[in-house]
Amino acid sequence: MNTANLAQSRDVMCGRMHVYGLLARLFRVEIDDGFLESLKTSEILEADDALPSNLGHGIGLMRGYLASPAASSLDLARDYAKVFCGASSTNKTAAYPFESVYTSEKGLLMQEARDDALGWYHRFGLGKSAEWHDCEDHLALELEFLAFLINESIEVLDVGNIPEVERFIQAQKDFMESHLINWVPLFAEKVIRFAKTDFYKGLASFAVAYLDQDYSALIEDEDPAWI
């Protein structure tokens, strides 16, 4: 990422952190009534003709659902439980949000991906939260960790420590390459196939497109213009 213009770089980082924070929240747990109402006015989900088509497609599906009379937290909770938790479904009709399911030979939980993700968290001083009861390679946790790395970049940028900014940006690239990039597209394909609501179909489409373009911008040392 170009750090010549510090103010612009900070704005870009803040935008990225907010996007990943929202994605983490949406994949972590069901949407309640209050959160549903806030999503209807979310700036991140605003329609924008300047968005790349793959990003706009996912946002369009989400906003279309949110604007429909059928939108309800109960409808979304049922879809979340079926697609992400396997309620009333089988492994062939669910998209479990754990990296090990997609990267281990037998599709099992608690495999090498979980151990490596946990190692990343520990290296950056993060320990086990008493509120977290799932495996550490859950998509929401990996997205939260990425948001954490971006926040650390912002904090060192604010004090003008450019070498540390570059270290945290490199960590983002490495973590995305080692984890998110190699399995989220497979996960998203399943969500799009099995989800009933356009909201979760759109969420999966947007998540994989955003990750792909954000990662490409990072490795090409460019500021993502769509944030």
Protein backbone atom coordinates (compact mmCIF):
# COMPACT_ATOMS: atom_id res chain seq x y z
CA MET A 1 0.00 0.00 0.00
CA ASN A 2 1.28 3.48 -0.90
CA THR A 3 2.06 5.36 2.32
CA ALA A 4 3.22 8.62 0.70
CA ASN A 5 -0.10 10.30 1.47
CA LEU A 6 -0.63 9.40 5.12
CA ALA A 7 -4.08 10.96 5.47
CA GLN A 8 -5.40 9.12 2.43
CA SER A 9 -3.79 5.87 3.55
CA ARG A 10 -5.44 6.20 6.96
CA ASP A 11 -8.87 6.69 5.39
CA VAL A 12 -8.35 3.61 3.23
CA MET A 13 -7.29 1.54 6.25
CA CYS A 14 -10.32 2.68 8.26
CA GLY A 15 -12.63 1.77 5.42
CA ARG A 16 -11.10 -1.68 5.09
CA MET A 17 -11.28 -2.28 8.84
CA HIS A 18 -14.97 -1.37 8.93
CA VAL A 19 -15.78 -3.66 6.01
CA TYR A 20 -14.01 -6.63 7.59
CA GLY A 21 -15.61 -5.87 10.94
CA LEU A 22 -19.05 -5.92 9.37
CA LEU A 23 -18.36 -9.13 7.47
CA ALA A 24 -17.12 -10.78 10.65
CA ARG A 25 -20.29 -9.77 12.48
CA LEU A 26 -22.53 -11.05 9.70
CA PHE A 27 -20.85 -14.46 9.60
CA ARG A 28 -20.47 -14.79 13.38
CA VAL A 29 -24.08 -14.96 14.51
CA GLU A 30 -27.66 -14.43 13.37
CA ILE A 31 -29.07 -10.97 12.69
CA ASP A 32 -31.44 -9.62 15.35
CA ASP A 33 -34.13 -6.96 14.83
CA GLY A 34 -31.94 -4.03 15.85
CA PHE A 35 -29.06 -5.03 13.62
CA LEU A 36 -31.44 -5.67 10.74
CA GLU A 37 -32.68 -2.08 10.94
CA SER A 38 -29.14 -0.70 11.07
CA LEU A 39 -28.16 -2.71 7.98
CA LYS A 40 -30.91 -1.00 5.99
CA THR A 41 -29.06 2.31 6.36
CA SER A 42 -25.48 0.99 6.38
CA GLU A 43 -23.11 3.16 4.32
CA ILE A 44 -21.06 0.09 3.45
CA LEU A 45 -24.08 -1.48 1.77
CA GLU A 46 -25.08 1.63 -0.14
CA ALA A 47 -25.53 1.17 -3.87
CA ASP A 48 -22.77 2.81 -5.89
CA ASP A 49 -22.58 2.77 -9.69
CA ALA A 50 -18.80 3.16 -9.43
CA LEU A 51 -18.36 -0.19 -7.69
CA PRO A 52 -16.76 -3.02 -9.67
CA SER A 53 -19.51 -5.30 -10.98
CA ASN A 54 -18.65 -8.27 -8.76
CA LEU A 55 -18.83 -6.14 -5.62
CA GLY A 56 -21.98 -4.38 -6.78
CA HIS A 57 -23.71 -7.70 -7.50
CA GLY A 58 -23.38 -8.92 -3.91
CA ILE A 59 -24.38 -5.59 -2.40
CA GLY A 60 -27.32 -5.39 -4.78
CA LEU A 61 -28.62 -8.77 -3.62
CA MET A 62 -28.29 -7.80 0.04
CA ARG A 63 -29.94 -4.42 -0.41
CA GLY A 64 -32.71 -5.94 -2.51
CA TYR A 65 -33.54 -8.33 0.32
CA LEU A 66 -33.34 -5.62 3.00
CA ALA A 67 -35.74 -3.44 1.02
CA SER A 68 -38.29 -6.21 0.47
CA PRO A 69 -41.43 -6.71 2.61
CA ALA A 70 -40.24 -10.27 3.30
CA ALA A 71 -37.11 -9.09 5.14
CA SER A 72 -37.18 -10.27 8.75
CA SER A 73 -34.74 -11.36 11.42
CA LEU A 74 -36.65 -14.65 11.76
CA ASP A 75 -36.30 -15.40 8.05
CA LEU A 76 -32.57 -14.64 8.21
CA ALA A 77 -32.10 -16.64 11.41
CA ARG A 78 -33.63 -19.71 9.81
CA ASP A 79 -31.40 -19.36 6.78
CA TYR A 80 -28.31 -18.78 8.95
CA ALA A 81 -29.04 -21.88 11.04
CA LYS A 82 -29.57 -24.06 7.98
CA VAL A 83 -26.64 -22.84 5.88
CA PHE A 84 -23.93 -22.16 8.47
CA CYS A 85 -24.90 -24.47 11.34
CA GLY A 86 -26.36 -27.38 9.38
CA ALA A 87 -29.78 -27.23 11.06
CA SER A 88 -32.15 -29.66 9.30
CA SER A 89 -29.52 -30.31 6.66
CA THR A 90 -26.57 -32.51 5.86
CA ASN A 91 -22.93 -31.83 5.05
CA LYS A 92 -23.96 -31.76 1.40
CA THR A 93 -26.47 -28.93 1.91
CA ALA A 94 -24.61 -26.75 4.42
CA ALA A 95 -21.70 -24.32 4.17
CA TYR A 96 -19.84 -24.67 7.44
CA PRO A 97 -17.72 -21.53 8.07
CA PHE A 98 -14.55 -23.31 9.18
CA GLU A 99 -11.38 -23.33 7.11
CA SER A 100 -10.42 -26.90 8.04
CA VAL A 101 -13.57 -28.23 6.38
CA TYR A 102 -12.30 -26.94 3.03
CA THR A 103 -8.56 -27.46 3.35
CA SER A 104 -8.16 -30.77 5.19
CA GLU A 105 -8.06 -34.03 3.26
CA LYS A 106 -11.18 -35.46 4.91
CA GLY A 107 -13.03 -32.19 5.48
CA LEU A 108 -12.78 -32.39 9.26
CA LEU A 109 -12.75 -29.70 11.95
CA MET A 110 -9.75 -28.85 14.13
CA GLN A 111 -7.13 -29.66 11.50
CA GLU A 112 -3.90 -27.95 10.42
CA ALA A 113 -5.66 -24.73 9.34
CA ARG A 114 -7.05 -24.23 12.84
CA ASP A 115 -3.63 -24.77 14.43
CA ASP A 116 -1.95 -22.35 12.04
CA ALA A 117 -4.62 -19.68 12.54
CA LEU A 118 -4.25 -20.03 16.31
CA GLY A 119 -0.50 -19.59 15.91
CA TRP A 120 -1.10 -16.32 14.05
CA TYR A 121 -3.30 -15.00 16.85
CA HIS A 122 -0.76 -15.91 19.50
CA ARG A 123 2.11 -14.28 17.59
CA PHE A 124 0.27 -10.99 17.71
CA GLY A 125 -0.57 -11.25 21.39
CA LEU A 126 -4.15 -12.45 21.12
CA GLY A 127 -5.41 -15.10 23.51
CA LYS A 128 -8.55 -17.18 23.83
CA SER A 129 -11.71 -15.20 24.56
CA ALA A 130 -14.07 -16.69 27.13
CA GLU A 131 -16.94 -15.66 24.85
CA TRP A 132 -15.64 -17.67 21.88
CA HIS A 133 -16.71 -21.31 21.79
CA ASP A 134 -16.09 -22.28 18.15
CA CYS A 135 -12.93 -23.45 16.40
CA GLU A 136 -10.31 -20.78 15.80
CA ASP A 137 -10.47 -21.12 12.02
CA HIS A 138 -14.07 -19.88 11.91
CA LEU A 139 -14.47 -17.31 9.14
CA ALA A 140 -15.71 -14.63 11.54
CA LEU A 141 -12.61 -14.98 13.72
CA GLU A 142 -10.24 -14.87 10.75
CA LEU A 143 -11.99 -11.71 9.50
CA GLU A 144 -11.82 -10.15 12.97
CA PHE A 145 -8.10 -10.89 13.08
CA LEU A 146 -7.62 -9.19 9.73
CA ALA A 147 -9.52 -6.16 11.05
CA PHE A 148 -7.25 -6.24 14.11
CA LEU A 149 -4.12 -6.15 11.91
CA ILE A 150 -5.54 -3.20 9.99
CA ASN A 151 -6.29 -1.38 13.25
CA GLU A 152 -2.71 -1.98 14.37
CA SER A 153 -1.57 -0.46 11.06
CA ILE A 154 -3.65 2.63 11.78
CA GLU A 155 -2.23 3.03 15.26
CA VAL A 156 1.40 2.92 14.13
CA LEU A 157 0.58 5.13 11.13
CA ASP A 158 -0.78 7.75 13.53
CA VAL A 159 2.62 8.03 15.20
CA GLY A 160 4.49 8.02 11.90
CA ASN A 161 6.14 4.63 12.35
CA ILE A 162 6.26 3.63 8.68
CA PRO A 163 8.39 0.46 9.17
CA GLU A 164 5.74 -0.88 11.56
CA VAL A 165 2.98 0.10 9.13
CA GLU A 166 4.74 -1.94 6.48
CA ARG A 167 5.17 -4.86 8.89
CA PHE A 168 1.46 -4.99 9.67
CA ILE A 169 0.51 -4.64 6.02
CA GLN A 170 2.84 -7.53 5.17
CA ALA A 171 1.16 -9.55 7.92
CA GLN A 172 -2.22 -8.83 6.31
CA LYS A 173 -0.96 -10.05 2.95
CA ASP A 174 0.56 -13.19 4.45
CA PHE A 175 -2.49 -14.05 6.54
CA MET A 176 -4.86 -13.53 3.64
CA GLU A 177 -2.68 -15.68 1.38
CA SER A 178 -2.22 -18.43 3.98
CA HIS A 179 -5.84 -18.57 5.06
CA LEU A 180 -8.72 -16.51 3.68
CA ILE A 181 -7.84 -16.53 -0.01
CA ASN A 182 -7.41 -20.30 -0.18
CA TRP A 183 -10.84 -21.33 1.12
CA VAL A 184 -13.38 -18.49 1.17
CA PRO A 185 -14.19 -18.91 -2.57
CA LEU A 186 -15.08 -22.58 -1.94
CA PHE A 187 -17.16 -21.62 1.08
CA ALA A 188 -18.93 -18.84 -0.83
CA GLU A 189 -19.88 -21.21 -3.64
CA LYS A 190 -21.70 -23.40 -1.12
CA VAL A 191 -23.45 -20.47 0.53
CA ILE A 192 -24.70 -19.21 -2.82
CA ARG A 193 -25.88 -22.72 -3.70
CA PHE A 194 -27.67 -23.50 -0.43
CA ALA A 195 -28.88 -20.18 0.99
CA LYS A 196 -32.56 -19.42 0.65
CA THR A 197 -32.34 -15.65 1.07
CA ASP A 198 -30.75 -13.26 -1.37
CA PHE A 199 -29.18 -11.57 1.64
CA TYR A 200 -26.84 -14.47 2.38
CA LYS A 201 -26.28 -15.21 -1.29
CA GLY A 202 -25.25 -11.58 -1.69
CA LEU A 203 -23.13 -11.61 1.45
CA ALA A 204 -21.14 -14.58 0.17
CA SER A 205 -20.72 -13.00 -3.26
CA PHE A 206 -19.60 -9.68 -1.79
CA ALA A 207 -17.23 -11.27 0.74
CA VAL A 208 -15.29 -13.30 -1.82
CA ALA A 209 -15.15 -10.41 -4.30
CA TYR A 210 -14.00 -7.93 -1.65
CA LEU A 211 -11.30 -10.26 -0.38
CA ASP A 212 -10.04 -10.91 -3.88
CA GLN A 213 -9.82 -7.26 -4.87
CA ASP A 214 -8.45 -6.12 -1.52
CA TYR A 215 -5.74 -8.77 -1.61
CA SER A 216 -4.86 -7.88 -5.20
CA ALA A 217 -4.54 -4.21 -4.25
CA LEU A 218 -2.29 -5.06 -1.30
CA ILE A 219 0.11 -7.22 -3.27
CA GLU A 220 0.24 -4.63 -6.07
CA ASP A 221 0.93 -1.86 -3.50
CA GLU A 222 -2.14 0.15 -4.48
CA ASP A 223 -4.85 1.90 -2.51
CA PRO A 224 -8.21 0.16 -3.11
CA ALA A 225 -10.28 2.89 -4.80
CA TRP A 226 -13.66 1.33 -4.06
CA ILE A 227 -13.56 1.95 -0.29
